[in-house]
Amino acid sequence: MSAALEYVSEESLPGALTPLLRTEDLTVRFGGLTALNRISFAVERGEIRAIIGPNGAGKSTFFNCLTGVLRPSSGRILFNGGDITGLSPDWISQKGIARSYQITNVLPNATTLENARIAAQSRRHGWSLLTHYRAYRDIMEKAEGALEAVGLRGKAGELAANLSHGEQRNLEIGIALATEPQLLCLDEPTAGMSTAETHDTMELVRRIAKDLTILIVEHDMQVVMELAQRITVLHYGEILAEGTPSEIQQNPRVLEVYLRT
């Protein structure tokens, strides 16, 4: 039986209190280098959780494991109570985890709407190549709704390449939303943005967080402290500290190795 078919969800259990996402002793080794060392981590449903840490702390490796880009050396990843360890990115996406990337990852020569439509269509198992996509009204509605959520409905016909940097970053979030995720992983969503664009993206994240669980990697500490309900600090592939923004700001070890006040 394939790993994908072995997935068992506990979300239907009455009164289930399991975290939406949990890792158990998650470890990644590259030859003699341990990039992640026995990370045990949990995110509750509806939470905005930030992951911070110095360069090389393991943040990208952790995201890559959660989204199937990397297979862990050992440990487990549980989502909705089911084991998704080692599943491919497309299977993990089907389970309900979506991701934006540190470097903008849109189709530049497709329109804004086409970018979102292709993402929405990836959830459709029964569509035919012989049928024009506009015949699938539900797909178009999901794509249009995703653009509405990120403030780009008015630019549905624009080529993605012609959008501003901030709009492209928000389109990437819209593409993720079009897949109807339960967990959205945002990798430095405000990177390269102006102050105004950063403010707008923070407001966007707050809006969509009403219906989603969000995991965010971000270097802008103002963004982290204002958005996150809890923060996990990674250092040399291990969890250095976890807590509320105020607890992290006052943690002596975090101040020493990262915040450096």
C-alpha atoms as a PDB file:
ATOM      1  CA  MET A   1       0.000   0.000   0.000  1.00  0.00           C
ATOM      2  CA  SER A   2       1.347   3.449  -0.899  1.00  0.00           C
ATOM      3  CA  ALA A   3       2.214   6.031   1.739  1.00  0.00           C
ATOM      4  CA  ALA A   4      -0.556   8.259   0.385  1.00  0.00           C
ATOM      5  CA  LEU A   5      -3.190   5.566   0.970  1.00  0.00           C
ATOM      6  CA  GLU A   6      -1.961   4.948   4.489  1.00  0.00           C
ATOM      7  CA  TYR A   7      -2.953   8.461   5.552  1.00  0.00           C
ATOM      8  CA  VAL A   8      -5.542   8.278   8.332  1.00  0.00           C
ATOM      9  CA  SER A   9      -7.241  11.402   9.626  1.00  0.00           C
ATOM     10  CA  GLU A  10      -8.509  11.890  13.167  1.00  0.00           C
ATOM     11  CA  GLU A  11     -10.255  15.176  12.427  1.00  0.00           C
ATOM     12  CA  SER A  12     -13.662  13.462  12.403  1.00  0.00           C
ATOM     13  CA  LEU A  13     -13.292  12.191  15.961  1.00  0.00           C
ATOM     14  CA  PRO A  14     -15.836  13.855  18.274  1.00  0.00           C
ATOM     15  CA  GLY A  15     -14.174  16.617  20.276  1.00  0.00           C
ATOM     16  CA  ALA A  16     -10.787  15.912  18.748  1.00  0.00           C
ATOM     17  CA  LEU A  17      -8.184  18.130  20.395  1.00  0.00           C
ATOM     18  CA  THR A  18      -5.213  17.169  18.278  1.00  0.00           C
ATOM     19  CA  PRO A  19      -3.112  20.026  16.901  1.00  0.00           C
ATOM     20  CA  LEU A  20      -3.584  20.664  13.199  1.00  0.00           C
ATOM     21  CA  LEU A  21       0.145  20.099  12.607  1.00  0.00           C
ATOM     22  CA  ARG A  22       2.605  18.214  14.760  1.00  0.00           C
ATOM     23  CA  THR A  23       6.149  16.946  14.280  1.00  0.00           C
ATOM     24  CA  GLU A  24       7.813  14.275  16.379  1.00  0.00           C
ATOM     25  CA  ASP A  25      11.611  14.200  16.612  1.00  0.00           C
ATOM     26  CA  LEU A  26      11.885  15.505  13.042  1.00  0.00           C
ATOM     27  CA  THR A  27      15.491  15.136  11.874  1.00  0.00           C
ATOM     28  CA  VAL A  28      17.188  15.976   8.586  1.00  0.00           C
ATOM     29  CA  ARG A  29      20.797  15.108   7.838  1.00  0.00           C
ATOM     30  CA  PHE A  30      22.820  16.048   4.778  1.00  0.00           C
ATOM     31  CA  GLY A  31      25.831  13.763   4.969  1.00  0.00           C
ATOM     32  CA  GLY A  32      27.571  14.674   8.215  1.00  0.00           C
ATOM     33  CA  LEU A  33      25.533  17.870   8.690  1.00  0.00           C
ATOM     34  CA  THR A  34      22.423  17.776  10.854  1.00  0.00           C
ATOM     35  CA  ALA A  35      20.123  20.513   9.528  1.00  0.00           C
ATOM     36  CA  LEU A  36      17.231  19.661  11.879  1.00  0.00           C
ATOM     37  CA  ASN A  37      17.754  17.796  15.120  1.00  0.00           C
ATOM     38  CA  ARG A  38      14.735  16.066  16.687  1.00  0.00           C
ATOM     39  CA  ILE A  39      12.249  18.908  16.244  1.00  0.00           C
ATOM     40  CA  SER A  40       9.014  18.297  18.153  1.00  0.00           C
ATOM     41  CA  PHE A  41       6.578  21.042  17.307  1.00  0.00           C
ATOM     42  CA  ALA A  42       2.821  21.648  17.275  1.00  0.00           C
ATOM     43  CA  VAL A  43       0.522  24.259  15.746  1.00  0.00           C
ATOM     44  CA  GLU A  44      -3.043  24.604  16.958  1.00  0.00           C
ATOM     45  CA  ARG A  45      -5.970  25.145  14.615  1.00  0.00           C
ATOM     46  CA  GLY A  46      -6.564  28.815  13.861  1.00  0.00           C
ATOM     47  CA  GLU A  47      -3.145  29.890  15.133  1.00  0.00           C
ATOM     48  CA  ILE A  48      -0.695  32.287  13.489  1.00  0.00           C
ATOM     49  CA  ARG A  49       2.736  30.852  14.353  1.00  0.00           C
ATOM     50  CA  ALA A  50       6.017  32.450  13.348  1.00  0.00           C
ATOM     51  CA  ILE A  51       9.334  30.637  12.967  1.00  0.00           C
ATOM     52  CA  ILE A  52      12.407  32.819  13.340  1.00  0.00           C
ATOM     53  CA  GLY A  53      16.127  32.322  13.721  1.00  0.00           C
ATOM     54  CA  PRO A  54      19.516  33.254  12.276  1.00  0.00           C
ATOM     55  CA  ASN A  55      20.509  32.284   8.744  1.00  0.00           C
ATOM     56  CA  GLY A  56      21.270  28.565   8.694  1.00  0.00           C
ATOM     57  CA  ALA A  57      18.994  27.859  11.664  1.00  0.00           C
ATOM     58  CA  GLY A  58      16.959  25.321   9.678  1.00  0.00           C
ATOM     59  CA  LYS A  59      13.845  27.359   8.857  1.00  0.00           C
ATOM     60  CA  SER A  60      13.766  26.597   5.122  1.00  0.00           C
ATOM     61  CA  THR A  61      14.655  22.957   5.726  1.00  0.00           C
ATOM     62  CA  PHE A  62      11.747  22.708   8.152  1.00  0.00           C
ATOM     63  CA  PHE A  63       9.313  24.247   5.628  1.00  0.00           C
ATOM     64  CA  ASN A  64      10.657  21.938   2.916  1.00  0.00           C
ATOM     65  CA  CYS A  65       9.945  18.895   5.072  1.00  0.00           C
ATOM     66  CA  LEU A  66       6.421  20.027   5.905  1.00  0.00           C
ATOM     67  CA  THR A  67       5.580  20.571   2.241  1.00  0.00           C
ATOM     68  CA  GLY A  68       7.205  17.421   0.857  1.00  0.00           C
ATOM     69  CA  VAL A  69      10.176  19.046  -0.881  1.00  0.00           C
ATOM     70  CA  LEU A  70      12.542  17.187   1.456  1.00  0.00           C
ATOM     71  CA  ARG A  71      12.116  13.771   3.017  1.00  0.00           C
ATOM     72  CA  PRO A  72      13.197  13.731   6.683  1.00  0.00           C
ATOM     73  CA  SER A  73      15.945  11.372   7.794  1.00  0.00           C
ATOM     74  CA  SER A  74      13.827  10.334  10.782  1.00  0.00           C
ATOM     75  CA  GLY A  75      10.834  11.441  12.820  1.00  0.00           C
ATOM     76  CA  ARG A  76       7.226  12.026  11.840  1.00  0.00           C
ATOM     77  CA  ILE A  77       4.975  14.796  10.514  1.00  0.00           C
ATOM     78  CA  LEU A  78       1.311  14.573  11.487  1.00  0.00           C
ATOM     79  CA  PHE A  79      -1.394  16.681   9.857  1.00  0.00           C
ATOM     80  CA  ASN A  80      -5.013  16.460  10.980  1.00  0.00           C
ATOM     81  CA  GLY A  81      -3.902  13.460  13.022  1.00  0.00           C
ATOM     82  CA  GLY A  82      -2.634  11.573   9.951  1.00  0.00           C
ATOM     83  CA  ASP A  83       0.967  10.726   9.142  1.00  0.00           C
ATOM     84  CA  ILE A  84       2.159  12.654   6.050  1.00  0.00           C
ATOM     85  CA  THR A  85       5.871  11.967   6.519  1.00  0.00           C
ATOM     86  CA  GLY A  86       7.609  11.549   3.188  1.00  0.00           C
ATOM     87  CA  LEU A  87       4.567  12.191   1.003  1.00  0.00           C
ATOM     88  CA  SER A  88       5.183  14.041  -2.258  1.00  0.00           C
ATOM     89  CA  PRO A  89       4.415  17.769  -2.522  1.00  0.00           C
ATOM     90  CA  ASP A  90       1.287  17.156  -4.615  1.00  0.00           C
ATOM     91  CA  TRP A  91      -0.122  14.703  -2.080  1.00  0.00           C
ATOM     92  CA  ILE A  92       0.622  17.053   0.796  1.00  0.00           C
ATOM     93  CA  SER A  93      -1.051  19.854  -1.128  1.00  0.00           C
ATOM     94  CA  GLN A  94      -4.108  17.639  -1.628  1.00  0.00           C
ATOM     95  CA  LYS A  95      -4.223  17.020   2.129  1.00  0.00           C
ATOM     96  CA  GLY A  96      -4.601  20.755   2.722  1.00  0.00           C
ATOM     97  CA  ILE A  97      -1.167  22.364   3.124  1.00  0.00           C
ATOM     98  CA  ALA A  98      -0.245  25.237   0.797  1.00  0.00           C
ATOM     99  CA  ARG A  99       2.925  27.288   0.596  1.00  0.00           C
ATOM    100  CA  SER A 100       4.281  30.547  -0.730  1.00  0.00           C
ATOM    101  CA  TYR A 101       7.989  30.840  -1.519  1.00  0.00           C
ATOM    102  CA  GLN A 102      10.744  33.243  -0.507  1.00  0.00           C
ATOM    103  CA  ILE A 103      11.300  34.034  -4.206  1.00  0.00           C
ATOM    104  CA  THR A 104       8.125  34.958  -6.069  1.00  0.00           C
ATOM    105  CA  ASN A 105       6.804  31.867  -7.828  1.00  0.00           C
ATOM    106  CA  VAL A 106       4.070  32.873 -10.286  1.00  0.00           C
ATOM    107  CA  LEU A 107       3.529  32.232 -14.003  1.00  0.00           C
ATOM    108  CA  PRO A 108       4.607  35.612 -15.411  1.00  0.00           C
ATOM    109  CA  ASN A 109       3.141  35.158 -18.888  1.00  0.00           C
ATOM    110  CA  ALA A 110      -0.262  34.033 -17.607  1.00  0.00           C
ATOM    111  CA  THR A 111      -2.915  36.429 -16.385  1.00  0.00           C
ATOM    112  CA  THR A 112      -3.579  36.911 -12.712  1.00  0.00           C
ATOM    113  CA  LEU A 113      -6.819  34.948 -13.068  1.00  0.00           C
ATOM    114  CA  GLU A 114      -5.130  32.128 -14.981  1.00  0.00           C
ATOM    115  CA  ASN A 115      -2.561  31.752 -12.194  1.00  0.00           C
ATOM    116  CA  ALA A 116      -5.339  31.324  -9.634  1.00  0.00           C
ATOM    117  CA  ARG A 117      -7.459  29.183 -11.956  1.00  0.00           C
ATOM    118  CA  ILE A 118      -4.671  26.670 -12.563  1.00  0.00           C
ATOM    119  CA  ALA A 119      -4.226  26.319  -8.789  1.00  0.00           C
ATOM    120  CA  ALA A 120      -7.959  25.810  -8.256  1.00  0.00           C
ATOM    121  CA  GLN A 121      -8.087  23.294 -11.105  1.00  0.00           C
ATOM    122  CA  SER A 122      -5.358  21.230  -9.442  1.00  0.00           C
ATOM    123  CA  ARG A 123      -7.992  20.203  -6.887  1.00  0.00           C
ATOM    124  CA  ARG A 124     -10.331  18.848  -9.576  1.00  0.00           C
ATOM    125  CA  HIS A 125      -9.997  15.116 -10.236  1.00  0.00           C
ATOM    126  CA  GLY A 126     -12.666  14.745 -12.889  1.00  0.00           C
ATOM    127  CA  TRP A 127     -11.964  17.530 -15.363  1.00  0.00           C
ATOM    128  CA  SER A 128     -11.361  16.805 -19.040  1.00  0.00           C
ATOM    129  CA  LEU A 129      -8.756  18.294 -21.347  1.00  0.00           C
ATOM    130  CA  LEU A 130     -11.430  18.334 -24.052  1.00  0.00           C
ATOM    131  CA  THR A 131     -13.637  20.705 -22.066  1.00  0.00           C
ATOM    132  CA  HIS A 132     -12.808  24.413 -21.919  1.00  0.00           C
ATOM    133  CA  TYR A 133     -11.923  25.412 -18.374  1.00  0.00           C
ATOM    134  CA  ARG A 134     -14.596  28.142 -18.346  1.00  0.00           C
ATOM    135  CA  ALA A 135     -17.195  25.366 -18.467  1.00  0.00           C
ATOM    136  CA  TYR A 136     -16.170  24.502 -14.921  1.00  0.00           C
ATOM    137  CA  ARG A 137     -17.954  27.358 -13.200  1.00  0.00           C
ATOM    138  CA  ASP A 138     -16.945  26.182  -9.721  1.00  0.00           C
ATOM    139  CA  ILE A 139     -13.248  26.398 -10.638  1.00  0.00           C
ATOM    140  CA  MET A 140     -13.632  29.934 -11.959  1.00  0.00           C
ATOM    141  CA  GLU A 141     -15.556  30.969  -8.839  1.00  0.00           C
ATOM    142  CA  LYS A 142     -12.809  29.612  -6.586  1.00  0.00           C
ATOM    143  CA  ALA A 143     -10.133  31.410  -8.615  1.00  0.00           C
ATOM    144  CA  GLU A 144     -12.063  34.677  -8.596  1.00  0.00           C
ATOM    145  CA  GLY A 145     -12.718  34.313  -4.866  1.00  0.00           C
ATOM    146  CA  ALA A 146      -9.026  33.816  -4.190  1.00  0.00           C
ATOM    147  CA  LEU A 147      -8.195  36.979  -6.128  1.00  0.00           C
ATOM    148  CA  GLU A 148     -10.900  38.863  -4.245  1.00  0.00           C
ATOM    149  CA  ALA A 149      -9.367  37.726  -0.949  1.00  0.00           C
ATOM    150  CA  VAL A 150      -5.963  39.179  -1.852  1.00  0.00           C
ATOM    151  CA  GLY A 151      -7.285  42.372  -3.430  1.00  0.00           C
ATOM    152  CA  LEU A 152      -6.487  41.479  -7.038  1.00  0.00           C
ATOM    153  CA  ARG A 153      -9.945  40.844  -8.509  1.00  0.00           C
ATOM    154  CA  GLY A 154      -9.673  44.130 -10.415  1.00  0.00           C
ATOM    155  CA  LYS A 155      -6.475  42.924 -12.102  1.00  0.00           C
ATOM    156  CA  ALA A 156      -7.735  39.495 -13.152  1.00  0.00           C
ATOM    157  CA  GLY A 157      -6.895  40.159 -16.796  1.00  0.00           C
ATOM    158  CA  GLU A 158      -3.410  41.592 -16.181  1.00  0.00           C
ATOM    159  CA  LEU A 159      -0.361  39.505 -16.963  1.00  0.00           C
ATOM    160  CA  ALA A 160       1.317  38.515 -13.707  1.00  0.00           C
ATOM    161  CA  ALA A 161       4.583  39.940 -15.057  1.00  0.00           C
ATOM    162  CA  ASN A 162       2.998  43.402 -15.133  1.00  0.00           C
ATOM    163  CA  LEU A 163       1.990  43.410 -11.473  1.00  0.00           C
ATOM    164  CA  SER A 164       4.078  45.270  -8.916  1.00  0.00           C
ATOM    165  CA  HIS A 165       6.378  43.252  -6.650  1.00  0.00           C
ATOM    166  CA  GLY A 166       3.923  43.509  -3.768  1.00  0.00           C
ATOM    167  CA  GLU A 167       1.029  42.458  -5.988  1.00  0.00           C
ATOM    168  CA  GLN A 168       2.988  39.462  -7.260  1.00  0.00           C
ATOM    169  CA  ARG A 169       3.717  38.400  -3.692  1.00  0.00           C
ATOM    170  CA  ASN A 170       0.028  38.697  -2.842  1.00  0.00           C
ATOM    171  CA  LEU A 171      -0.908  36.818  -6.010  1.00  0.00           C
ATOM    172  CA  GLU A 172       1.230  33.970  -4.762  1.00  0.00           C
ATOM    173  CA  ILE A 173      -0.847  33.934  -1.580  1.00  0.00           C
ATOM    174  CA  GLY A 174      -3.962  33.980  -3.770  1.00  0.00           C
ATOM    175  CA  ILE A 175      -2.656  30.982  -5.720  1.00  0.00           C
ATOM    176  CA  ALA A 176      -2.204  29.153  -2.419  1.00  0.00           C
ATOM    177  CA  LEU A 177      -5.719  30.114  -1.277  1.00  0.00           C
ATOM    178  CA  ALA A 178      -7.192  28.790  -4.533  1.00  0.00           C
ATOM    179  CA  THR A 179      -6.140  25.286  -3.455  1.00  0.00           C
ATOM    180  CA  GLU A 180      -8.400  25.659  -0.381  1.00  0.00           C
ATOM    181  CA  PRO A 181      -5.781  24.834   2.264  1.00  0.00           C
ATOM    182  CA  GLN A 182      -6.260  24.377   5.975  1.00  0.00           C
ATOM    183  CA  LEU A 183      -2.642  25.316   6.697  1.00  0.00           C
ATOM    184  CA  LEU A 184      -0.866  28.098   4.806  1.00  0.00           C
ATOM    185  CA  CYS A 185       2.937  28.246   5.046  1.00  0.00           C
ATOM    186  CA  LEU A 186       4.285  31.695   4.169  1.00  0.00           C
ATOM    187  CA  ASP A 187       8.009  31.950   3.472  1.00  0.00           C
ATOM    188  CA  GLU A 188       9.080  35.590   4.004  1.00  0.00           C
ATOM    189  CA  PRO A 189       5.891  37.063   2.518  1.00  0.00           C
ATOM    190  CA  THR A 190       7.056  40.685   2.913  1.00  0.00           C
ATOM    191  CA  ALA A 191      10.562  40.210   1.465  1.00  0.00           C
ATOM    192  CA  GLY A 192      11.534  43.127  -0.787  1.00  0.00           C
ATOM    193  CA  MET A 193       8.378  45.093  -0.064  1.00  0.00           C
ATOM    194  CA  SER A 194       8.044  48.787   0.628  1.00  0.00           C
ATOM    195  CA  THR A 195       6.724  49.913   3.996  1.00  0.00           C
ATOM    196  CA  ALA A 196       3.263  50.472   2.501  1.00  0.00           C
ATOM    197  CA  GLU A 197       3.258  47.077   0.783  1.00  0.00           C
ATOM    198  CA  THR A 198       4.383  45.392   4.005  1.00  0.00           C
ATOM    199  CA  HIS A 199       1.527  47.022   5.907  1.00  0.00           C
ATOM    200  CA  ASP A 200      -0.985  45.893   3.262  1.00  0.00           C
ATOM    201  CA  THR A 201       0.323  42.325   3.328  1.00  0.00           C
ATOM    202  CA  MET A 202       0.104  42.216   7.118  1.00  0.00           C
ATOM    203  CA  GLU A 203      -3.537  43.286   6.873  1.00  0.00           C
ATOM    204  CA  LEU A 204      -4.076  40.596   4.238  1.00  0.00           C
ATOM    205  CA  VAL A 205      -2.606  37.912   6.504  1.00  0.00           C
ATOM    206  CA  ARG A 206      -4.839  39.036   9.367  1.00  0.00           C
ATOM    207  CA  ARG A 207      -7.917  38.797   7.130  1.00  0.00           C
ATOM    208  CA  ILE A 208      -7.238  35.343   5.762  1.00  0.00           C
ATOM    209  CA  ALA A 209      -6.202  34.045   9.196  1.00  0.00           C
ATOM    210  CA  LYS A 210      -9.864  34.156  10.221  1.00  0.00           C
ATOM    211  CA  ASP A 211     -10.404  30.962   8.218  1.00  0.00           C
ATOM    212  CA  LEU A 212      -6.918  29.424   8.199  1.00  0.00           C
ATOM    213  CA  THR A 213      -4.017  28.267  10.300  1.00  0.00           C
ATOM    214  CA  ILE A 214      -0.881  30.147   9.263  1.00  0.00           C
ATOM    215  CA  LEU A 215       2.780  29.260   9.688  1.00  0.00           C
ATOM    216  CA  ILE A 216       5.125  32.085   8.744  1.00  0.00           C
ATOM    217  CA  VAL A 217       8.895  32.402   8.333  1.00  0.00           C
ATOM    218  CA  GLU A 218       9.848  36.069   8.396  1.00  0.00           C
ATOM    219  CA  HIS A 219      12.966  38.146   9.108  1.00  0.00           C
ATOM    220  CA  ASP A 220      11.135  41.433   9.689  1.00  0.00           C
ATOM    221  CA  MET A 221      10.702  41.398  13.455  1.00  0.00           C
ATOM    222  CA  GLN A 222       8.028  44.082  13.414  1.00  0.00           C
ATOM    223  CA  VAL A 223       5.935  41.864  11.154  1.00  0.00           C
ATOM    224  CA  VAL A 224       6.563  38.841  13.382  1.00  0.00           C
ATOM    225  CA  MET A 225       5.780  40.597  16.642  1.00  0.00           C
ATOM    226  CA  GLU A 226       2.584  42.172  15.320  1.00  0.00           C
ATOM    227  CA  LEU A 227       1.196  39.128  13.500  1.00  0.00           C
ATOM    228  CA  ALA A 228       2.190  36.034  15.443  1.00  0.00           C
ATOM    229  CA  GLN A 229       0.335  34.683  18.430  1.00  0.00           C
ATOM    230  CA  ARG A 230       3.258  32.395  19.246  1.00  0.00           C
ATOM    231  CA  ILE A 231       6.847  32.248  18.012  1.00  0.00           C
ATOM    232  CA  THR A 232       9.255  29.341  17.648  1.00  0.00           C
ATOM    233  CA  VAL A 233      12.957  30.201  17.526  1.00  0.00           C
ATOM    234  CA  LEU A 234      15.295  27.817  15.714  1.00  0.00           C
ATOM    235  CA  HIS A 235      19.058  27.813  16.237  1.00  0.00           C
ATOM    236  CA  TYR A 236      21.458  25.322  14.640  1.00  0.00           C
ATOM    237  CA  GLY A 237      18.562  23.050  13.723  1.00  0.00           C
ATOM    238  CA  GLU A 238      17.067  22.889  17.209  1.00  0.00           C
ATOM    239  CA  ILE A 239      14.252  24.701  19.009  1.00  0.00           C
ATOM    240  CA  LEU A 240      15.881  27.355  21.169  1.00  0.00           C
ATOM    241  CA  ALA A 241      12.681  28.839  22.569  1.00  0.00           C
ATOM    242  CA  GLU A 242       8.920  29.070  22.100  1.00  0.00           C
ATOM    243  CA  GLY A 243       6.452  31.562  23.479  1.00  0.00           C
ATOM    244  CA  THR A 244       4.359  34.642  22.926  1.00  0.00           C
ATOM    245  CA  PRO A 245       5.953  37.675  21.259  1.00  0.00           C
ATOM    246  CA  SER A 246       6.506  39.340  24.637  1.00  0.00           C
ATOM    247  CA  GLU A 247       8.091  36.187  26.084  1.00  0.00           C
ATOM    248  CA  ILE A 248      10.430  35.849  23.094  1.00  0.00           C
ATOM    249  CA  GLN A 249      11.444  39.517  23.298  1.00  0.00           C
ATOM    250  CA  GLN A 250      12.453  39.004  26.931  1.00  0.00           C
ATOM    251  CA  ASN A 251      14.158  35.630  26.553  1.00  0.00           C
ATOM    252  CA  PRO A 252      17.904  36.054  27.354  1.00  0.00           C
ATOM    253  CA  ARG A 253      19.006  33.215  25.069  1.00  0.00           C
ATOM    254  CA  VAL A 254      17.028  34.587  22.130  1.00  0.00           C
ATOM    255  CA  LEU A 255      18.410  38.063  22.734  1.00  0.00           C
ATOM    256  CA  GLU A 256      21.923  36.631  22.789  1.00  0.00           C
ATOM    257  CA  VAL A 257      21.819  34.564  19.605  1.00  0.00           C
ATOM    258  CA  TYR A 258      19.310  36.397  17.436  1.00  0.00           C
ATOM    259  CA  LEU A 259      17.559  39.565  18.502  1.00  0.00           C
ATOM    260  CA  ARG A 260      20.784  41.048  19.947  1.00  0.00           C
ATOM    261  CA  THR A 261      19.326  44.068  21.676  1.00  0.00           C
END
